[in-house]
Amino acid sequence: MAQKIKKGDRVVVLTGRDKGAKGEVLKVLPAADRAVVDGVNKVKRHTAPSQTTQGGIVEKEASIHLSNLALIDPKDDKPTRVGFKTLEDGRKVRVAKRSGEVLDA
């Protein structure tokens, strides 16, 4: 099945402690149905020092389930669902259900 949310998409969080937060998708984990979003679901990790890092308490983004994310419509900056459409040239593209705007360039 085609992915509805991809790396680089702007999304908004629908539920949880970061509800309403907007960010860009940094990484998608399709096997787990999760994504890592910039600035969302921050967690603190206690890390030991290594040759490259200093160690200590590091704050980073944890993954969030795809069902808790909604794509932001490029036309009006509001959350939208995603549909698929086949163009005349045979390409299958993602479409914003809210405005009908094509999301893939």
PDB file of N, CA and C in Angstrom:
ATOM      1  N   MET A   1       0.840  -1.194   0.000  1.00  0.00           N
ATOM      2  CA  MET A   1       0.000   0.000   0.000  1.00  0.00           C
ATOM      3  C   MET A   1       0.881   1.252   0.000  1.00  0.00           C
ATOM      4  N   ALA A   2       0.461   2.264  -0.707  1.00  0.00           N
ATOM      5  CA  ALA A   2       1.236   3.502  -0.797  1.00  0.00           C
ATOM      6  C   ALA A   2       1.197   4.268   0.524  1.00  0.00           C
ATOM      7  N   GLN A   3       2.293   4.951   0.834  1.00  0.00           N
ATOM      8  CA  GLN A   3       2.380   5.718   2.078  1.00  0.00           C
ATOM      9  C   GLN A   3       1.598   7.016   1.950  1.00  0.00           C
ATOM     10  N   LYS A   4       0.801   7.326   2.968  1.00  0.00           N
ATOM     11  CA  LYS A   4       0.063   8.582   2.962  1.00  0.00           C
ATOM     12  C   LYS A   4       0.899   9.723   3.506  1.00  0.00           C
ATOM     13  N   ILE A   5       1.832   9.416   4.419  1.00  0.00           N
ATOM     14  CA  ILE A   5       2.720  10.434   4.971  1.00  0.00           C
ATOM     15  C   ILE A   5       4.149  10.055   4.607  1.00  0.00           C
ATOM     16  N   LYS A   6       4.889  11.036   4.070  1.00  0.00           N
ATOM     17  CA  LYS A   6       6.255  10.794   3.627  1.00  0.00           C
ATOM     18  C   LYS A   6       7.219  11.778   4.267  1.00  0.00           C
ATOM     19  N   LYS A   7       8.509  11.478   4.164  1.00  0.00           N
ATOM     20  CA  LYS A   7       9.553  12.350   4.684  1.00  0.00           C
ATOM     21  C   LYS A   7       9.454  13.722   4.015  1.00  0.00           C
ATOM     22  N   GLY A   8       9.550  14.778   4.820  1.00  0.00           N
ATOM     23  CA  GLY A   8       9.485  16.140   4.276  1.00  0.00           C
ATOM     24  C   GLY A   8       8.101  16.753   4.336  1.00  0.00           C
ATOM     25  N   ASP A   9       7.060  15.953   4.613  1.00  0.00           N
ATOM     26  CA  ASP A   9       5.698  16.489   4.715  1.00  0.00           C
ATOM     27  C   ASP A   9       5.540  17.331   5.976  1.00  0.00           C
ATOM     28  N   ARG A  10       4.686  18.359   5.889  1.00  0.00           N
ATOM     29  CA  ARG A  10       4.326  19.128   7.083  1.00  0.00           C
ATOM     30  C   ARG A  10       3.077  18.499   7.673  1.00  0.00           C
ATOM     31  N   VAL A  11       3.136  18.170   8.985  1.00  0.00           N
ATOM     32  CA  VAL A  11       2.024  17.498   9.644  1.00  0.00           C
ATOM     33  C   VAL A  11       1.649  18.213  10.933  1.00  0.00           C
ATOM     34  N   VAL A  12       0.442  17.911  11.434  1.00  0.00           N
ATOM     35  CA  VAL A  12      -0.026  18.421  12.723  1.00  0.00           C
ATOM     36  C   VAL A  12      -0.389  17.214  13.582  1.00  0.00           C
ATOM     37  N   VAL A  13      -0.122  17.304  14.900  1.00  0.00           N
ATOM     38  CA  VAL A  13      -0.421  16.220  15.826  1.00  0.00           C
ATOM     39  C   VAL A  13      -1.867  16.353  16.274  1.00  0.00           C
ATOM     40  N   LEU A  14      -2.640  15.254  16.180  1.00  0.00           N
ATOM     41  CA  LEU A  14      -4.070  15.278  16.489  1.00  0.00           C
ATOM     42  C   LEU A  14      -4.370  14.966  17.954  1.00  0.00           C
ATOM     43  N   THR A  15      -3.585  14.094  18.580  1.00  0.00           N
ATOM     44  CA  THR A  15      -3.856  13.689  19.959  1.00  0.00           C
ATOM     45  C   THR A  15      -2.566  13.576  20.747  1.00  0.00           C
ATOM     46  N   GLY A  16      -2.711  13.481  22.067  1.00  0.00           N
ATOM     47  CA  GLY A  16      -1.551  13.302  22.931  1.00  0.00           C
ATOM     48  C   GLY A  16      -1.069  14.605  23.520  1.00  0.00           C
ATOM     49  N   ARG A  17       0.062  14.550  24.217  1.00  0.00           N
ATOM     50  CA  ARG A  17       0.549  15.734  24.927  1.00  0.00           C
ATOM     51  C   ARG A  17       1.034  16.837  23.988  1.00  0.00           C
ATOM     52  N   ASP A  18       1.351  16.483  22.750  1.00  0.00           N
ATOM     53  CA  ASP A  18       1.796  17.477  21.767  1.00  0.00           C
ATOM     54  C   ASP A  18       0.685  17.868  20.798  1.00  0.00           C
ATOM     55  N   LYS A  19      -0.573  17.689  21.201  1.00  0.00           N
ATOM     56  CA  LYS A  19      -1.714  17.984  20.334  1.00  0.00           C
ATOM     57  C   LYS A  19      -1.632  19.425  19.810  1.00  0.00           C
ATOM     58  N   GLY A  20      -1.814  19.573  18.494  1.00  0.00           N
ATOM     59  CA  GLY A  20      -1.790  20.890  17.874  1.00  0.00           C
ATOM     60  C   GLY A  20      -0.416  21.307  17.371  1.00  0.00           C
ATOM     61  N   ALA A  21       0.622  20.567  17.766  1.00  0.00           N
ATOM     62  CA  ALA A  21       1.976  20.916  17.334  1.00  0.00           C
ATOM     63  C   ALA A  21       2.166  20.588  15.858  1.00  0.00           C
ATOM     64  N   LYS A  22       2.857  21.488  15.150  1.00  0.00           N
ATOM     65  CA  LYS A  22       3.131  21.276  13.732  1.00  0.00           C
ATOM     66  C   LYS A  22       4.622  21.052  13.546  1.00  0.00           C
ATOM     67  N   GLY A  23       4.965  20.252  12.561  1.00  0.00           N
ATOM     68  CA  GLY A  23       6.373  19.999  12.292  1.00  0.00           C
ATOM     69  C   GLY A  23       6.562  19.258  10.989  1.00  0.00           C
ATOM     70  N   GLU A  24       7.821  19.076  10.626  1.00  0.00           N
ATOM     71  CA  GLU A  24       8.160  18.382   9.396  1.00  0.00           C
ATOM     72  C   GLU A  24       8.569  16.950   9.719  1.00  0.00           C
ATOM     73  N   VAL A  25       8.134  16.012   8.891  1.00  0.00           N
ATOM     74  CA  VAL A  25       8.475  14.604   9.089  1.00  0.00           C
ATOM     75  C   VAL A  25       9.944  14.404   8.729  1.00  0.00           C
ATOM     76  N   LEU A  26      10.731  13.913   9.707  1.00  0.00           N
ATOM     77  CA  LEU A  26      12.153  13.679   9.490  1.00  0.00           C
ATOM     78  C   LEU A  26      12.414  12.271   8.980  1.00  0.00           C
ATOM     79  N   LYS A  27      11.574  11.317   9.425  1.00  0.00           N
ATOM     80  CA  LYS A  27      11.804   9.912   9.106  1.00  0.00           C
ATOM     81  C   LYS A  27      10.487   9.162   9.250  1.00  0.00           C
ATOM     82  N   VAL A  28      10.232   8.208   8.355  1.00  0.00           N
ATOM     83  CA  VAL A  28       9.035   7.369   8.440  1.00  0.00           C
ATOM     84  C   VAL A  28       9.480   5.929   8.669  1.00  0.00           C
ATOM     85  N   LEU A  29       8.817   5.259   9.629  1.00  0.00           N
ATOM     86  CA  LEU A  29       9.110   3.861   9.931  1.00  0.00           C
ATOM     87  C   LEU A  29       7.894   3.033   9.512  1.00  0.00           C
ATOM     88  N   PRO A  30       7.809   2.628   8.231  1.00  0.00           N
ATOM     89  CA  PRO A  30       6.613   1.977   7.706  1.00  0.00           C
ATOM     90  C   PRO A  30       6.283   0.644   8.379  1.00  0.00           C
ATOM     91  N   ALA A  31       7.287  -0.099   8.796  1.00  0.00           N
ATOM     92  CA  ALA A  31       7.038  -1.407   9.418  1.00  0.00           C
ATOM     93  C   ALA A  31       6.296  -1.247  10.741  1.00  0.00           C
ATOM     94  N   ALA A  32       6.544  -0.147  11.444  1.00  0.00           N
ATOM     95  CA  ALA A  32       5.900   0.088  12.741  1.00  0.00           C
ATOM     96  C   ALA A  32       4.752   1.083  12.644  1.00  0.00           C
ATOM     97  N   ASP A  33       4.438   1.591  11.444  1.00  0.00           N
ATOM     98  CA  ASP A  33       3.410   2.621  11.242  1.00  0.00           C
ATOM     99  C   ASP A  33       3.671   3.855  12.103  1.00  0.00           C
ATOM    100  N   ARG A  34       4.928   4.286  12.148  1.00  0.00           N
ATOM    101  CA  ARG A  34       5.298   5.427  12.978  1.00  0.00           C
ATOM    102  C   ARG A  34       6.141   6.412  12.168  1.00  0.00           C
ATOM    103  N   ALA A  35       6.261   7.642  12.695  1.00  0.00           N
ATOM    104  CA  ALA A  35       7.086   8.661  12.056  1.00  0.00           C
ATOM    105  C   ALA A  35       7.762   9.506  13.125  1.00  0.00           C
ATOM    106  N   VAL A  36       8.924  10.062  12.776  1.00  0.00           N
ATOM    107  CA  VAL A  36       9.620  10.991  13.664  1.00  0.00           C
ATOM    108  C   VAL A  36       9.386  12.389  13.100  1.00  0.00           C
ATOM    109  N   VAL A  37       8.835  13.282  13.958  1.00  0.00           N
ATOM    110  CA  VAL A  37       8.478  14.630  13.525  1.00  0.00           C
ATOM    111  C   VAL A  37       9.348  15.636  14.276  1.00  0.00           C
ATOM    112  N   ASP A  38       9.865  16.627  13.556  1.00  0.00           N
ATOM    113  CA  ASP A  38      10.745  17.640  14.122  1.00  0.00           C
ATOM    114  C   ASP A  38      10.046  18.421  15.234  1.00  0.00           C
ATOM    115  N   GLY A  39      10.615  18.397  16.439  1.00  0.00           N
ATOM    116  CA  GLY A  39      10.089  19.172  17.565  1.00  0.00           C
ATOM    117  C   GLY A  39       8.895  18.565  18.273  1.00  0.00           C
ATOM    118  N   VAL A  40       8.498  17.343  17.910  1.00  0.00           N
ATOM    119  CA  VAL A  40       7.309  16.710  18.495  1.00  0.00           C
ATOM    120  C   VAL A  40       7.708  15.441  19.236  1.00  0.00           C
ATOM    121  N   ASN A  41       7.044  15.156  20.361  1.00  0.00           N
ATOM    122  CA  ASN A  41       7.274  13.955  21.168  1.00  0.00           C
ATOM    123  C   ASN A  41       8.731  13.872  21.634  1.00  0.00           C
ATOM    124  N   LYS A  42       9.199  14.957  22.248  1.00  0.00           N
ATOM    125  CA  LYS A  42      10.574  15.027  22.750  1.00  0.00           C
ATOM    126  C   LYS A  42      10.724  14.147  23.985  1.00  0.00           C
ATOM    127  N   VAL A  43      11.814  13.378  24.040  1.00  0.00           N
ATOM    128  CA  VAL A  43      12.124  12.544  25.197  1.00  0.00           C
ATOM    129  C   VAL A  43      13.566  12.800  25.612  1.00  0.00           C
ATOM    130  N   LYS A  44      13.857  12.521  26.885  1.00  0.00           N
ATOM    131  CA  LYS A  44      15.223  12.695  27.382  1.00  0.00           C
ATOM    132  C   LYS A  44      15.874  11.340  27.515  1.00  0.00           C
ATOM    133  N   ARG A  45      17.090  11.220  26.995  1.00  0.00           N
ATOM    134  CA  ARG A  45      17.829   9.973  27.062  1.00  0.00           C
ATOM    135  C   ARG A  45      19.130  10.230  27.815  1.00  0.00           C
ATOM    136  N   HIS A  46      19.445   9.376  28.776  1.00  0.00           N
ATOM    137  CA  HIS A  46      20.709   9.465  29.502  1.00  0.00           C
ATOM    138  C   HIS A  46      21.729   8.645  28.727  1.00  0.00           C
ATOM    139  N   THR A  47      22.731   9.307  28.191  1.00  0.00           N
ATOM    140  CA  THR A  47      23.702   8.613  27.351  1.00  0.00           C
ATOM    141  C   THR A  47      25.098   8.645  27.973  1.00  0.00           C
ATOM    142  N   ALA A  48      25.815   7.574  27.795  1.00  0.00           N
ATOM    143  CA  ALA A  48      27.194   7.491  28.276  1.00  0.00           C
ATOM    144  C   ALA A  48      28.097   8.197  27.279  1.00  0.00           C
ATOM    145  N   PRO A  49      29.184   8.787  27.740  1.00  0.00           N
ATOM    146  CA  PRO A  49      30.089   9.457  26.803  1.00  0.00           C
ATOM    147  C   PRO A  49      30.796   8.447  25.904  1.00  0.00           C
ATOM    148  N   SER A  50      31.030   8.845  24.656  1.00  0.00           N
ATOM    149  CA  SER A  50      31.778   8.005  23.718  1.00  0.00           C
ATOM    150  C   SER A  50      32.860   8.883  23.085  1.00  0.00           C
ATOM    151  N   GLN A  51      33.557   8.349  22.109  1.00  0.00           N
ATOM    152  CA  GLN A  51      34.626   9.132  21.481  1.00  0.00           C
ATOM    153  C   GLN A  51      34.085  10.333  20.713  1.00  0.00           C
ATOM    154  N   THR A  52      32.852  10.240  20.239  1.00  0.00           N
ATOM    155  CA  THR A  52      32.304  11.333  19.443  1.00  0.00           C
ATOM    156  C   THR A  52      31.364  12.246  20.232  1.00  0.00           C
ATOM    157  N   THR A  53      30.651  11.713  21.232  1.00  0.00           N
ATOM    158  CA  THR A  53      29.693  12.541  21.978  1.00  0.00           C
ATOM    159  C   THR A  53      30.127  12.703  23.425  1.00  0.00           C
ATOM    160  N   GLN A  54      29.660  13.793  24.018  1.00  0.00           N
ATOM    161  CA  GLN A  54      30.059  14.115  25.375  1.00  0.00           C
ATOM    162  C   GLN A  54      29.327  13.266  26.411  1.00  0.00           C
ATOM    163  N   GLY A  55      28.086  12.881  26.118  1.00  0.00           N
ATOM    164  CA  GLY A  55      27.302  12.128  27.090  1.00  0.00           C
ATOM    165  C   GLY A  55      26.448  13.063  27.916  1.00  0.00           C
ATOM    166  N   GLY A  56      25.707  12.496  28.866  1.00  0.00           N
ATOM    167  CA  GLY A  56      24.802  13.301  29.691  1.00  0.00           C
ATOM    168  C   GLY A  56      23.369  13.088  29.258  1.00  0.00           C
ATOM    169  N   ILE A  57      22.513  14.071  29.577  1.00  0.00           N
ATOM    170  CA  ILE A  57      21.096  13.960  29.234  1.00  0.00           C
ATOM    171  C   ILE A  57      20.873  14.618  27.877  1.00  0.00           C
ATOM    172  N   VAL A  58      20.435  13.816  26.911  1.00  0.00           N
ATOM    173  CA  VAL A  58      20.208  14.298  25.541  1.00  0.00           C
ATOM    174  C   VAL A  58      18.716  14.296  25.266  1.00  0.00           C
ATOM    175  N   GLU A  59      18.222  15.410  24.721  1.00  0.00           N
ATOM    176  CA  GLU A  59      16.807  15.489  24.370  1.00  0.00           C
ATOM    177  C   GLU A  59      16.664  15.263  22.873  1.00  0.00           C
ATOM    178  N   LYS A  60      15.788  14.312  22.484  1.00  0.00           N
ATOM    179  CA  LYS A  60      15.597  14.040  21.063  1.00  0.00           C
ATOM    180  C   LYS A  60      14.140  13.676  20.798  1.00  0.00           C
ATOM    181  N   GLU A  61      13.791  13.609  19.509  1.00  0.00           N
ATOM    182  CA  GLU A  61      12.421  13.278  19.124  1.00  0.00           C
ATOM    183  C   GLU A  61      12.245  11.767  19.081  1.00  0.00           C
ATOM    184  N   ALA A  62      11.132  11.297  19.671  1.00  0.00           N
ATOM    185  CA  ALA A  62      10.777   9.886  19.575  1.00  0.00           C
ATOM    186  C   ALA A  62       9.722   9.752  18.480  1.00  0.00           C
ATOM    187  N   SER A  63       9.497   8.528  18.017  1.00  0.00           N
ATOM    188  CA  SER A  63       8.515   8.333  16.954  1.00  0.00           C
ATOM    189  C   SER A  63       7.104   8.475  17.501  1.00  0.00           C
ATOM    190  N   ILE A  64       6.178   8.800  16.618  1.00  0.00           N
ATOM    191  CA  ILE A  64       4.769   8.965  16.966  1.00  0.00           C
ATOM    192  C   ILE A  64       3.953   8.174  15.946  1.00  0.00           C
ATOM    193  N   HIS A  65       2.843   7.578  16.386  1.00  0.00           N
ATOM    194  CA  HIS A  65       2.057   6.733  15.487  1.00  0.00           C
ATOM    195  C   HIS A  65       1.409   7.566  14.390  1.00  0.00           C
ATOM    196  N   LEU A  66       1.365   7.010  13.176  1.00  0.00           N
ATOM    197  CA  LEU A  66       0.822   7.735  12.022  1.00  0.00           C
ATOM    198  C   LEU A  66      -0.644   8.117  12.197  1.00  0.00           C
ATOM    199  N   SER A  67      -1.402   7.334  12.995  1.00  0.00           N
ATOM    200  CA  SER A  67      -2.814   7.640  13.199  1.00  0.00           C
ATOM    201  C   SER A  67      -3.002   8.916  14.004  1.00  0.00           C
ATOM    202  N   ASN A  68      -1.965   9.372  14.689  1.00  0.00           N
ATOM    203  CA  ASN A  68      -2.040  10.604  15.484  1.00  0.00           C
ATOM    204  C   ASN A  68      -1.566  11.826  14.706  1.00  0.00           C
ATOM    205  N   LEU A  69      -1.284  11.654  13.423  1.00  0.00           N
ATOM    206  CA  LEU A  69      -0.804  12.747  12.584  1.00  0.00           C
ATOM    207  C   LEU A  69      -1.775  13.017  11.442  1.00  0.00           C
ATOM    208  N   ALA A  70      -1.860  14.279  11.041  1.00  0.00           N
ATOM    209  CA  ALA A  70      -2.641  14.644   9.858  1.00  0.00           C
ATOM    210  C   ALA A  70      -1.786  15.567   9.004  1.00  0.00           C
ATOM    211  N   LEU A  71      -1.834  15.375   7.709  1.00  0.00           N
ATOM    212  CA  LEU A  71      -1.097  16.214   6.779  1.00  0.00           C
ATOM    213  C   LEU A  71      -1.688  17.616   6.783  1.00  0.00           C
ATOM    214  N   ILE A  72      -0.853  18.628   6.576  1.00  0.00           N
ATOM    215  CA  ILE A  72      -1.334  20.009   6.506  1.00  0.00           C
ATOM    216  C   ILE A  72      -1.575  20.343   5.042  1.00  0.00           C
ATOM    217  N   ASP A  73      -2.790  20.837   4.760  1.00  0.00           N
ATOM    218  CA  ASP A  73      -3.161  21.217   3.396  1.00  0.00           C
ATOM    219  C   ASP A  73      -2.324  22.426   2.977  1.00  0.00           C
ATOM    220  N   PRO A  74      -1.610  22.349   1.840  1.00  0.00           N
ATOM    221  CA  PRO A  74      -0.766  23.476   1.424  1.00  0.00           C
ATOM    222  C   PRO A  74      -1.561  24.733   1.075  1.00  0.00           C
ATOM    223  N   LYS A  75      -2.849  24.575   0.766  1.00  0.00           N
ATOM    224  CA  LYS A  75      -3.664  25.719   0.352  1.00  0.00           C
ATOM    225  C   LYS A  75      -4.086  26.587   1.533  1.00  0.00           C
ATOM    226  N   ASP A  76      -4.647  25.964   2.604  1.00  0.00           N
ATOM    227  CA  ASP A  76      -5.180  26.776   3.714  1.00  0.00           C
ATOM    228  C   ASP A  76      -4.550  26.477   5.067  1.00  0.00           C
ATOM    229  N   ASP A  77      -3.464  25.692   5.102  1.00  0.00           N
ATOM    230  CA  ASP A  77      -2.716  25.425   6.336  1.00  0.00           C
ATOM    231  C   ASP A  77      -3.548  24.744   7.425  1.00  0.00           C
ATOM    232  N   LYS A  78      -4.524  23.924   7.033  1.00  0.00           N
ATOM    233  CA  LYS A  78      -5.344  23.191   7.989  1.00  0.00           C
ATOM    234  C   LYS A  78      -5.159  21.693   7.772  1.00  0.00           C
ATOM    235  N   PRO A  79      -5.447  20.866   8.798  1.00  0.00           N
ATOM    236  CA  PRO A  79      -5.279  19.417   8.646  1.00  0.00           C
ATOM    237  C   PRO A  79      -6.200  18.846   7.573  1.00  0.00           C
ATOM    238  N   THR A  80      -5.709  17.867   6.844  1.00  0.00           N
ATOM    239  CA  THR A  80      -6.505  17.235   5.797  1.00  0.00           C
ATOM    240  C   THR A  80      -6.223  15.741   5.758  1.00  0.00           C
ATOM    241  N   ARG A  81      -7.175  15.007   5.216  1.00  0.00           N
ATOM    242  CA  ARG A  81      -6.945  13.589   4.954  1.00  0.00           C
ATOM    243  C   ARG A  81      -6.302  13.470   3.577  1.00  0.00           C
ATOM    244  N   VAL A  82      -5.788  12.270   3.287  1.00  0.00           N
ATOM    245  CA  VAL A  82      -5.055  12.071   2.039  1.00  0.00           C
ATOM    246  C   VAL A  82      -5.753  11.030   1.188  1.00  0.00           C
ATOM    247  N   GLY A  83      -5.903  11.340  -0.091  1.00  0.00           N
ATOM    248  CA  GLY A  83      -6.454  10.388  -1.042  1.00  0.00           C
ATOM    249  C   GLY A  83      -5.447  10.174  -2.157  1.00  0.00           C
ATOM    250  N   PHE A  84      -5.772   9.285  -3.064  1.00  0.00           N
ATOM    251  CA  PHE A  84      -4.888   9.005  -4.197  1.00  0.00           C
ATOM    252  C   PHE A  84      -5.638   9.190  -5.495  1.00  0.00           C
ATOM    253  N   LYS A  85      -4.899   9.601  -6.532  1.00  0.00           N
ATOM    254  CA  LYS A  85      -5.503   9.870  -7.824  1.00  0.00           C
ATOM    255  C   LYS A  85      -4.483   9.498  -8.893  1.00  0.00           C
ATOM    256  N   THR A  86      -4.947   8.950  -9.994  1.00  0.00           N
ATOM    257  CA  THR A  86      -4.055   8.642 -11.100  1.00  0.00           C
ATOM    258  C   THR A  86      -4.182   9.734 -12.147  1.00  0.00           C
ATOM    259  N   LEU A  87      -3.074  10.345 -12.506  1.00  0.00           N
ATOM    260  CA  LEU A  87      -3.079  11.426 -13.494  1.00  0.00           C
ATOM    261  C   LEU A  87      -3.148  10.851 -14.900  1.00  0.00           C
ATOM    262  N   GLU A  88      -3.320  11.751 -15.888  1.00  0.00           N
ATOM    263  CA  GLU A  88      -3.432  11.321 -17.286  1.00  0.00           C
ATOM    264  C   GLU A  88      -2.162  10.615 -17.765  1.00  0.00           C
ATOM    265  N   ASP A  89      -1.003  11.031 -17.236  1.00  0.00           N
ATOM    266  CA  ASP A  89       0.251  10.415 -17.666  1.00  0.00           C
ATOM    267  C   ASP A  89       0.542   9.098 -16.947  1.00  0.00           C
ATOM    268  N   GLY A  90      -0.397   8.639 -16.106  1.00  0.00           N
ATOM    269  CA  GLY A  90      -0.266   7.337 -15.456  1.00  0.00           C
ATOM    270  C   GLY A  90       0.360   7.366 -14.070  1.00  0.00           C
ATOM    271  N   ARG A  91       0.790   8.553 -13.613  1.00  0.00           N
ATOM    272  CA  ARG A  91       1.394   8.646 -12.279  1.00  0.00           C
ATOM    273  C   ARG A  91       0.312   8.616 -11.204  1.00  0.00           C
ATOM    274  N   LYS A  92       0.608   7.913 -10.094  1.00  0.00           N
ATOM    275  CA  LYS A  92      -0.302   7.878  -8.950  1.00  0.00           C
ATOM    276  C   LYS A  92       0.204   8.911  -7.947  1.00  0.00           C
ATOM    277  N   VAL A  93      -0.631   9.890  -7.619  1.00  0.00           N
ATOM    278  CA  VAL A  93      -0.206  10.972  -6.730  1.00  0.00           C
ATOM    279  C   VAL A  93      -1.117  11.080  -5.518  1.00  0.00           C
ATOM    280  N   ARG A  94      -0.581  11.679  -4.447  1.00  0.00           N
ATOM    281  CA  ARG A  94      -1.378  11.933  -3.252  1.00  0.00           C
ATOM    282  C   ARG A  94      -2.146  13.234  -3.434  1.00  0.00           C
ATOM    283  N   VAL A  95      -3.391  13.260  -2.949  1.00  0.00           N
ATOM    284  CA  VAL A  95      -4.250  14.424  -3.103  1.00  0.00           C
ATOM    285  C   VAL A  95      -4.828  14.792  -1.742  1.00  0.00           C
ATOM    286  N   ALA A  96      -4.855  16.099  -1.426  1.00  0.00           N
ATOM    287  CA  ALA A  96      -5.474  16.567  -0.188  1.00  0.00           C
ATOM    288  C   ALA A  96      -6.985  16.508  -0.358  1.00  0.00           C
ATOM    289  N   LYS A  97      -7.674  15.798   0.542  1.00  0.00           N
ATOM    290  CA  LYS A  97      -9.126  15.655   0.429  1.00  0.00           C
ATOM    291  C   LYS A  97      -9.826  16.991   0.652  1.00  0.00           C
ATOM    292  N   ARG A  98      -9.248  17.859   1.463  1.00  0.00           N
ATOM    293  CA  ARG A  98      -9.871  19.130   1.827  1.00  0.00           C
ATOM    294  C   ARG A  98      -9.993  20.073   0.635  1.00  0.00           C
ATOM    295  N   SER A  99      -8.892  20.220  -0.141  1.00  0.00           N
ATOM    296  CA  SER A  99      -8.880  21.196  -1.228  1.00  0.00           C
ATOM    297  C   SER A  99      -8.767  20.566  -2.612  1.00  0.00           C
ATOM    298  N   GLY A 100      -8.412  19.284  -2.666  1.00  0.00           N
ATOM    299  CA  GLY A 100      -8.196  18.648  -3.963  1.00  0.00           C
ATOM    300  C   GLY A 100      -6.820  18.909  -4.539  1.00  0.00           C
ATOM    301  N   GLU A 101      -5.977  19.596  -3.789  1.00  0.00           N
ATOM    302  CA  GLU A 101      -4.624  19.949  -4.216  1.00  0.00           C
ATOM    303  C   GLU A 101      -3.734  18.704  -4.316  1.00  0.00           C
ATOM    304  N   VAL A 102      -2.917  18.615  -5.363  1.00  0.00           N
ATOM    305  CA  VAL A 102      -1.981  17.503  -5.523  1.00  0.00           C
ATOM    306  C   VAL A 102      -0.797  17.744  -4.593  1.00  0.00           C
ATOM    307  N   LEU A 103      -0.452  16.764  -3.753  1.00  0.00           N
ATOM    308  CA  LEU A 103       0.612  16.929  -2.768  1.00  0.00           C
ATOM    309  C   LEU A 103       1.978  16.559  -3.307  1.00  0.00           C
ATOM    310  N   ASP A 104       2.056  15.628  -4.261  1.00  0.00           N
ATOM    311  CA  ASP A 104       3.329  15.224  -4.834  1.00  0.00           C
ATOM    312  C   ASP A 104       3.676  16.112  -6.022  1.00  0.00           C
ATOM    313  N   ALA A 105       4.919  16.560  -6.058  1.00  0.00           N
ATOM    314  CA  ALA A 105       5.341  17.469  -7.143  1.00  0.00           C
ATOM    315  C   ALA A 105       5.437  16.765  -8.474  1.00  0.00           C
TER     316      ALA A 105
END
